[in-house]
Amino acid sequence: MKRLHMHVSVPDIEQAVAFYSTLFDAPPSVVKDDYAKWMLEDPRVNLAISARARATGVDHVGIQVDSADELAALATRLKAAGNTTFDQEATTCCYAKSDKSWVTDTAGVRWETFFTMGDATSYGEDEDIPDAAPKAGCC
């Protein structure tokens, strides 16, 4: 089963945790000094927030999958459609170990598809993910 993912960069982590905890009527499942995450079933979403000196607002959106096979299927569909992806294997990000495939949609929105294999003790590296070129042509 897939889960929608959103990552929002916030200026103040404590204020944002209070806001989203009220909105979802639930505390975050992960809380760090610079990061928090809600793994909600209703709505089925993985919402992450971080205060890591990036531009505030929606940083990226994505789809979290339950298996490496689901990740491969999504990445294969994107590539078959002519999209350029940026793939990462066994990366540490957001206090988790994951395999990922990144793509930029035709409006310039960064999408992350990922399979998480476990927790990590550090946030990981803030890598500059190259903008994968959107599919050529016009709709």
N, C-alpha and C. Protein backbone atom coordinates (compact mmCIF):
# COMPACT_ATOMS: atom_id res chain seq x y z
N MET A 1 0.85 -1.17 0.00
CA MET A 1 0.00 0.00 0.00
C MET A 1 0.89 1.24 0.00
N LYS A 2 0.47 2.23 -0.71
CA LYS A 2 1.26 3.45 -0.81
C LYS A 2 0.72 4.51 0.14
N ARG A 3 1.58 5.46 0.46
CA ARG A 3 1.23 6.54 1.38
C ARG A 3 1.75 7.85 0.79
N LEU A 4 0.89 8.88 0.74
CA LEU A 4 1.32 10.19 0.28
C LEU A 4 2.32 10.77 1.27
N HIS A 5 3.35 11.42 0.75
CA HIS A 5 4.38 12.05 1.58
C HIS A 5 4.48 13.52 1.23
N MET A 6 4.59 14.36 2.24
CA MET A 6 4.86 15.78 2.06
C MET A 6 5.94 16.18 3.05
N HIS A 7 6.89 17.00 2.59
CA HIS A 7 7.93 17.52 3.47
C HIS A 7 7.87 19.04 3.40
N VAL A 8 7.66 19.66 4.55
CA VAL A 8 7.54 21.11 4.63
C VAL A 8 8.70 21.65 5.45
N SER A 9 9.37 22.65 4.91
CA SER A 9 10.43 23.34 5.64
C SER A 9 9.79 24.47 6.43
N VAL A 10 10.09 24.51 7.73
CA VAL A 10 9.44 25.47 8.62
C VAL A 10 10.48 26.36 9.30
N PRO A 11 10.10 27.59 9.66
CA PRO A 11 11.05 28.47 10.34
C PRO A 11 11.22 28.15 11.83
N ASP A 12 10.18 27.57 12.47
CA ASP A 12 10.23 27.29 13.90
C ASP A 12 9.61 25.91 14.14
N ILE A 13 10.43 24.95 14.52
CA ILE A 13 9.97 23.57 14.66
C ILE A 13 8.93 23.41 15.76
N GLU A 14 9.09 24.09 16.89
CA GLU A 14 8.14 23.94 18.00
C GLU A 14 6.77 24.47 17.62
N GLN A 15 6.71 25.64 16.98
CA GLN A 15 5.43 26.18 16.56
C GLN A 15 4.76 25.27 15.53
N ALA A 16 5.55 24.74 14.62
CA ALA A 16 5.00 23.87 13.57
C ALA A 16 4.50 22.55 14.17
N VAL A 17 5.22 21.98 15.13
CA VAL A 17 4.76 20.75 15.79
C VAL A 17 3.42 21.01 16.48
N ALA A 18 3.30 22.13 17.16
CA ALA A 18 2.04 22.46 17.83
C ALA A 18 0.91 22.60 16.81
N PHE A 19 1.16 23.28 15.70
CA PHE A 19 0.14 23.47 14.68
C PHE A 19 -0.32 22.14 14.08
N TYR A 20 0.64 21.34 13.60
CA TYR A 20 0.26 20.08 12.94
C TYR A 20 -0.31 19.07 13.93
N SER A 21 0.12 19.08 15.18
CA SER A 21 -0.46 18.20 16.19
C SER A 21 -1.93 18.55 16.41
N THR A 22 -2.24 19.85 16.40
CA THR A 22 -3.63 20.29 16.53
C THR A 22 -4.43 19.92 15.29
N LEU A 23 -3.86 20.18 14.12
CA LEU A 23 -4.55 19.88 12.86
C LEU A 23 -4.92 18.40 12.77
N PHE A 24 -3.97 17.52 13.09
CA PHE A 24 -4.19 16.08 12.95
C PHE A 24 -4.73 15.43 14.23
N ASP A 25 -4.84 16.21 15.31
CA ASP A 25 -5.29 15.69 16.60
C ASP A 25 -4.45 14.48 17.02
N ALA A 26 -3.13 14.61 16.78
CA ALA A 26 -2.21 13.52 17.10
C ALA A 26 -0.80 14.09 17.25
N PRO A 27 -0.03 13.54 18.16
CA PRO A 27 1.36 13.96 18.27
C PRO A 27 2.19 13.34 17.15
N PRO A 28 3.35 13.90 16.86
CA PRO A 28 4.21 13.28 15.85
C PRO A 28 4.73 11.92 16.33
N SER A 29 5.02 11.05 15.37
CA SER A 29 5.59 9.75 15.72
C SER A 29 7.10 9.84 15.90
N VAL A 30 7.72 10.88 15.33
CA VAL A 30 9.16 11.14 15.48
C VAL A 30 9.32 12.62 15.79
N VAL A 31 10.10 12.93 16.83
CA VAL A 31 10.41 14.32 17.16
C VAL A 31 11.90 14.44 17.43
N LYS A 32 12.55 15.34 16.72
CA LYS A 32 13.96 15.66 16.93
C LYS A 32 14.07 17.18 17.07
N ASP A 33 15.26 17.69 17.36
CA ASP A 33 15.44 19.13 17.50
C ASP A 33 15.14 19.89 16.22
N ASP A 34 15.34 19.25 15.07
CA ASP A 34 15.19 19.94 13.78
C ASP A 34 14.19 19.26 12.86
N TYR A 35 13.41 18.30 13.37
CA TYR A 35 12.60 17.45 12.50
C TYR A 35 11.45 16.82 13.28
N ALA A 36 10.32 16.64 12.62
CA ALA A 36 9.20 15.88 13.20
C ALA A 36 8.46 15.20 12.05
N LYS A 37 7.81 14.06 12.38
CA LYS A 37 7.09 13.31 11.36
C LYS A 37 5.82 12.71 11.95
N TRP A 38 4.75 12.79 11.17
CA TRP A 38 3.49 12.14 11.49
C TRP A 38 3.25 11.04 10.48
N MET A 39 2.99 9.82 10.94
CA MET A 39 2.61 8.70 10.08
C MET A 39 1.14 8.42 10.36
N LEU A 40 0.28 9.06 9.58
CA LEU A 40 -1.15 9.03 9.83
C LEU A 40 -1.85 7.99 8.96
N GLU A 41 -2.91 7.44 9.50
CA GLU A 41 -3.74 6.50 8.74
C GLU A 41 -4.96 7.20 8.15
N ASP A 42 -5.39 8.31 8.75
CA ASP A 42 -6.55 9.04 8.26
C ASP A 42 -6.28 10.54 8.37
N PRO A 43 -5.85 11.18 7.31
CA PRO A 43 -5.58 10.65 5.98
C PRO A 43 -4.27 9.86 5.97
N ARG A 44 -4.15 8.92 5.04
CA ARG A 44 -2.95 8.08 4.95
C ARG A 44 -1.82 8.92 4.36
N VAL A 45 -1.05 9.52 5.26
CA VAL A 45 0.00 10.45 4.84
C VAL A 45 1.20 10.35 5.77
N ASN A 46 2.36 10.59 5.21
CA ASN A 46 3.61 10.74 5.96
C ASN A 46 3.96 12.22 5.81
N LEU A 47 3.67 13.00 6.84
CA LEU A 47 4.00 14.43 6.82
C LEU A 47 5.26 14.65 7.64
N ALA A 48 6.27 15.21 7.01
CA ALA A 48 7.52 15.53 7.70
C ALA A 48 7.72 17.03 7.66
N ILE A 49 8.26 17.58 8.74
CA ILE A 49 8.63 18.99 8.79
C ILE A 49 10.07 19.08 9.28
N SER A 50 10.78 20.09 8.82
CA SER A 50 12.14 20.29 9.32
C SER A 50 12.48 21.76 9.32
N ALA A 51 13.37 22.11 10.22
CA ALA A 51 13.91 23.46 10.31
C ALA A 51 15.41 23.34 10.08
N ARG A 52 15.81 23.36 8.82
CA ARG A 52 17.21 23.11 8.46
C ARG A 52 17.74 24.19 7.53
N ALA A 53 17.27 25.42 7.71
CA ALA A 53 17.78 26.58 6.96
C ALA A 53 17.55 26.48 5.46
N ARG A 54 16.48 25.81 5.06
CA ARG A 54 16.08 25.78 3.65
C ARG A 54 14.94 26.76 3.48
N ALA A 55 14.59 27.07 2.27
CA ALA A 55 13.46 27.96 2.02
C ALA A 55 12.21 27.37 2.66
N THR A 56 11.43 28.21 3.34
CA THR A 56 10.22 27.70 3.99
C THR A 56 9.14 27.39 2.97
N GLY A 57 8.28 26.47 3.33
CA GLY A 57 7.19 26.05 2.46
C GLY A 57 7.35 24.59 2.08
N VAL A 58 6.56 24.15 1.11
CA VAL A 58 6.63 22.77 0.67
C VAL A 58 7.98 22.54 0.00
N ASP A 59 8.76 21.63 0.56
CA ASP A 59 10.08 21.30 0.02
C ASP A 59 9.94 20.29 -1.11
N HIS A 60 9.14 19.25 -0.88
CA HIS A 60 8.87 18.25 -1.91
C HIS A 60 7.66 17.43 -1.48
N VAL A 61 7.12 16.70 -2.44
CA VAL A 61 6.04 15.77 -2.18
C VAL A 61 6.50 14.40 -2.65
N GLY A 62 5.77 13.37 -2.30
CA GLY A 62 6.24 12.05 -2.71
C GLY A 62 5.25 10.95 -2.44
N ILE A 63 5.73 9.74 -2.71
CA ILE A 63 4.96 8.53 -2.46
C ILE A 63 5.88 7.56 -1.73
N GLN A 64 5.46 7.15 -0.55
CA GLN A 64 6.19 6.14 0.22
C GLN A 64 5.58 4.79 -0.11
N VAL A 65 6.43 3.82 -0.39
CA VAL A 65 5.97 2.47 -0.73
C VAL A 65 6.42 1.48 0.33
N ASP A 66 5.82 0.30 0.30
CA ASP A 66 6.10 -0.72 1.32
C ASP A 66 7.16 -1.72 0.93
N SER A 67 7.67 -1.64 -0.32
CA SER A 67 8.65 -2.64 -0.73
C SER A 67 9.58 -2.08 -1.82
N ALA A 68 10.72 -2.72 -1.95
CA ALA A 68 11.66 -2.35 -3.01
C ALA A 68 11.04 -2.60 -4.38
N ASP A 69 10.20 -3.64 -4.51
CA ASP A 69 9.54 -3.93 -5.78
C ASP A 69 8.59 -2.80 -6.19
N GLU A 70 7.83 -2.26 -5.22
CA GLU A 70 6.94 -1.13 -5.53
C GLU A 70 7.74 0.09 -5.96
N LEU A 71 8.87 0.33 -5.31
CA LEU A 71 9.73 1.46 -5.69
C LEU A 71 10.24 1.27 -7.12
N ALA A 72 10.70 0.08 -7.44
CA ALA A 72 11.21 -0.19 -8.78
C ALA A 72 10.11 0.00 -9.82
N ALA A 73 8.90 -0.41 -9.52
CA ALA A 73 7.79 -0.27 -10.46
C ALA A 73 7.48 1.20 -10.73
N LEU A 74 7.46 2.02 -9.67
CA LEU A 74 7.21 3.46 -9.85
C LEU A 74 8.32 4.11 -10.68
N ALA A 75 9.56 3.82 -10.34
CA ALA A 75 10.69 4.41 -11.07
C ALA A 75 10.69 3.96 -12.53
N THR A 76 10.33 2.70 -12.77
CA THR A 76 10.27 2.19 -14.14
C THR A 76 9.20 2.92 -14.95
N ARG A 77 8.04 3.16 -14.34
CA ARG A 77 6.97 3.90 -15.04
C ARG A 77 7.42 5.30 -15.39
N LEU A 78 8.08 5.99 -14.46
CA LEU A 78 8.55 7.36 -14.72
C LEU A 78 9.55 7.37 -15.87
N LYS A 79 10.49 6.43 -15.83
CA LYS A 79 11.51 6.36 -16.89
C LYS A 79 10.88 6.00 -18.24
N ALA A 80 9.91 5.09 -18.23
CA ALA A 80 9.23 4.69 -19.47
C ALA A 80 8.46 5.85 -20.08
N ALA A 81 8.00 6.78 -19.24
CA ALA A 81 7.27 7.95 -19.72
C ALA A 81 8.23 9.03 -20.24
N GLY A 82 9.52 8.76 -20.17
CA GLY A 82 10.50 9.71 -20.69
C GLY A 82 11.04 10.68 -19.67
N ASN A 83 10.75 10.44 -18.40
CA ASN A 83 11.24 11.33 -17.36
C ASN A 83 12.64 10.93 -16.90
N THR A 84 13.42 11.92 -16.53
CA THR A 84 14.75 11.68 -15.98
C THR A 84 14.62 11.57 -14.47
N THR A 85 15.14 10.50 -13.90
CA THR A 85 15.09 10.33 -12.45
C THR A 85 16.50 10.40 -11.87
N PHE A 86 16.55 10.70 -10.58
CA PHE A 86 17.80 10.67 -9.83
C PHE A 86 17.59 9.62 -8.75
N ASP A 87 18.32 8.52 -8.84
CA ASP A 87 18.13 7.40 -7.91
C ASP A 87 19.19 7.41 -6.82
N GLN A 88 18.77 7.07 -5.61
CA GLN A 88 19.67 6.95 -4.46
C GLN A 88 19.42 5.60 -3.81
N GLU A 89 20.50 4.91 -3.48
CA GLU A 89 20.37 3.62 -2.79
C GLU A 89 20.99 3.73 -1.40
N ALA A 90 20.34 3.12 -0.44
CA ALA A 90 20.83 3.05 0.95
C ALA A 90 21.28 4.42 1.46
N THR A 91 20.45 5.42 1.25
CA THR A 91 20.78 6.76 1.70
C THR A 91 20.20 7.01 3.10
N THR A 92 20.82 7.90 3.84
CA THR A 92 20.30 8.30 5.14
C THR A 92 19.77 9.72 5.02
N CYS A 93 18.50 9.86 5.33
CA CYS A 93 17.84 11.17 5.25
C CYS A 93 16.64 11.16 6.19
N CYS A 94 16.43 12.26 6.87
CA CYS A 94 15.26 12.41 7.74
C CYS A 94 15.20 11.32 8.81
N TYR A 95 16.37 10.99 9.36
CA TYR A 95 16.47 9.99 10.43
C TYR A 95 15.99 8.61 9.99
N ALA A 96 16.16 8.31 8.69
CA ALA A 96 15.75 7.01 8.16
C ALA A 96 16.72 6.55 7.08
N LYS A 97 16.78 5.25 6.87
CA LYS A 97 17.58 4.65 5.79
C LYS A 97 16.60 4.24 4.69
N SER A 98 16.84 4.73 3.46
CA SER A 98 15.89 4.51 2.38
C SER A 98 16.58 4.38 1.03
N ASP A 99 15.89 3.74 0.11
CA ASP A 99 16.19 3.80 -1.32
C ASP A 99 15.19 4.79 -1.90
N LYS A 100 15.64 5.62 -2.86
CA LYS A 100 14.79 6.67 -3.39
C LYS A 100 14.96 6.84 -4.89
N SER A 101 13.92 7.39 -5.49
CA SER A 101 13.99 7.82 -6.87
C SER A 101 13.29 9.18 -6.93
N TRP A 102 14.01 10.20 -7.40
CA TRP A 102 13.51 11.57 -7.49
C TRP A 102 13.19 11.92 -8.93
N VAL A 103 12.17 12.74 -9.11
CA VAL A 103 11.82 13.25 -10.43
C VAL A 103 11.21 14.65 -10.24
N THR A 104 11.35 15.48 -11.24
CA THR A 104 10.72 16.80 -11.23
C THR A 104 9.58 16.78 -12.23
N ASP A 105 8.38 17.19 -11.78
CA ASP A 105 7.23 17.15 -12.68
C ASP A 105 7.27 18.33 -13.66
N THR A 106 6.29 18.40 -14.53
CA THR A 106 6.28 19.41 -15.58
C THR A 106 6.08 20.82 -15.04
N ALA A 107 5.64 20.97 -13.78
CA ALA A 107 5.48 22.28 -13.16
C ALA A 107 6.68 22.66 -12.29
N GLY A 108 7.68 21.77 -12.24
CA GLY A 108 8.87 22.05 -11.45
C GLY A 108 8.80 21.55 -10.02
N VAL A 109 7.77 20.78 -9.66
CA VAL A 109 7.63 20.24 -8.30
C VAL A 109 8.49 18.98 -8.18
N ARG A 110 9.31 18.93 -7.10
CA ARG A 110 10.14 17.75 -6.85
C ARG A 110 9.31 16.66 -6.20
N TRP A 111 9.36 15.44 -6.77
CA TRP A 111 8.68 14.27 -6.25
C TRP A 111 9.71 13.24 -5.84
N GLU A 112 9.50 12.67 -4.66
CA GLU A 112 10.36 11.63 -4.12
C GLU A 112 9.53 10.36 -3.99
N THR A 113 9.97 9.28 -4.60
CA THR A 113 9.37 7.97 -4.33
C THR A 113 10.41 7.21 -3.52
N PHE A 114 9.96 6.55 -2.44
CA PHE A 114 10.97 5.94 -1.56
C PHE A 114 10.43 4.74 -0.80
N PHE A 115 11.38 3.87 -0.45
CA PHE A 115 11.15 2.70 0.38
C PHE A 115 12.09 2.81 1.57
N THR A 116 11.54 2.87 2.78
CA THR A 116 12.32 3.02 4.00
C THR A 116 12.60 1.66 4.61
N MET A 117 13.92 1.42 4.87
CA MET A 117 14.33 0.14 5.43
C MET A 117 14.56 0.17 6.94
N GLY A 118 14.61 1.35 7.53
CA GLY A 118 14.84 1.41 8.97
C GLY A 118 15.15 2.81 9.43
N ASP A 119 15.32 2.95 10.72
CA ASP A 119 15.63 4.24 11.34
C ASP A 119 17.12 4.52 11.28
N ALA A 120 17.46 5.80 11.42
CA ALA A 120 18.86 6.24 11.50
C ALA A 120 19.00 7.16 12.70
N THR A 121 20.20 7.26 13.25
CA THR A 121 20.42 8.10 14.43
C THR A 121 20.72 9.54 14.08
N SER A 122 20.97 9.83 12.79
CA SER A 122 21.23 11.21 12.38
C SER A 122 20.28 11.59 11.25
N TYR A 123 20.11 12.89 11.04
CA TYR A 123 19.26 13.38 9.96
C TYR A 123 19.78 12.89 8.62
N GLY A 124 21.09 12.88 8.48
CA GLY A 124 21.71 12.52 7.21
C GLY A 124 22.20 13.77 6.52
N GLU A 125 22.62 13.61 5.31
CA GLU A 125 23.15 14.74 4.54
C GLU A 125 22.02 15.42 3.78
N ASP A 126 22.06 16.76 3.77
CA ASP A 126 21.16 17.52 2.92
C ASP A 126 21.78 17.58 1.54
N GLU A 127 21.49 16.57 0.74
CA GLU A 127 22.05 16.52 -0.61
C GLU A 127 21.30 17.46 -1.53
N ASP A 128 22.02 18.07 -2.45
CA ASP A 128 21.37 18.81 -3.50
C ASP A 128 20.92 17.80 -4.54
N ILE A 129 19.63 17.61 -4.63
CA ILE A 129 19.09 16.67 -5.60
C ILE A 129 19.00 17.41 -6.93
N PRO A 130 19.68 16.91 -7.95
CA PRO A 130 19.62 17.60 -9.23
C PRO A 130 18.18 17.64 -9.74
N ASP A 131 17.82 18.76 -10.34
CA ASP A 131 16.50 18.83 -10.94
C ASP A 131 16.47 17.89 -12.13
N ALA A 132 15.65 16.87 -12.02
CA ALA A 132 15.48 15.97 -13.15
C ALA A 132 14.61 16.70 -14.15
N ALA A 133 15.03 16.73 -15.38
CA ALA A 133 14.32 17.49 -16.40
C ALA A 133 12.94 16.92 -16.64
N PRO A 134 11.92 17.77 -16.70
CA PRO A 134 10.61 17.26 -17.03
C PRO A 134 10.58 16.71 -18.44
N LYS A 135 9.61 15.87 -18.69
CA LYS A 135 9.43 15.28 -20.01
C LYS A 135 9.27 16.38 -21.06
N ALA A 136 9.96 16.24 -22.16
CA ALA A 136 9.86 17.24 -23.22
C ALA A 136 8.47 17.19 -23.84
N GLY A 137 8.08 18.31 -24.39
CA GLY A 137 6.79 18.35 -25.07
C GLY A 137 5.78 19.15 -24.28
N CYS A 138 4.59 19.19 -24.79
CA CYS A 138 3.54 19.98 -24.17
C CYS A 138 2.26 19.18 -24.09
N CYS A 139 1.49 19.38 -23.06
CA CYS A 139 0.22 18.66 -22.91
C CYS A 139 -0.90 19.48 -23.52
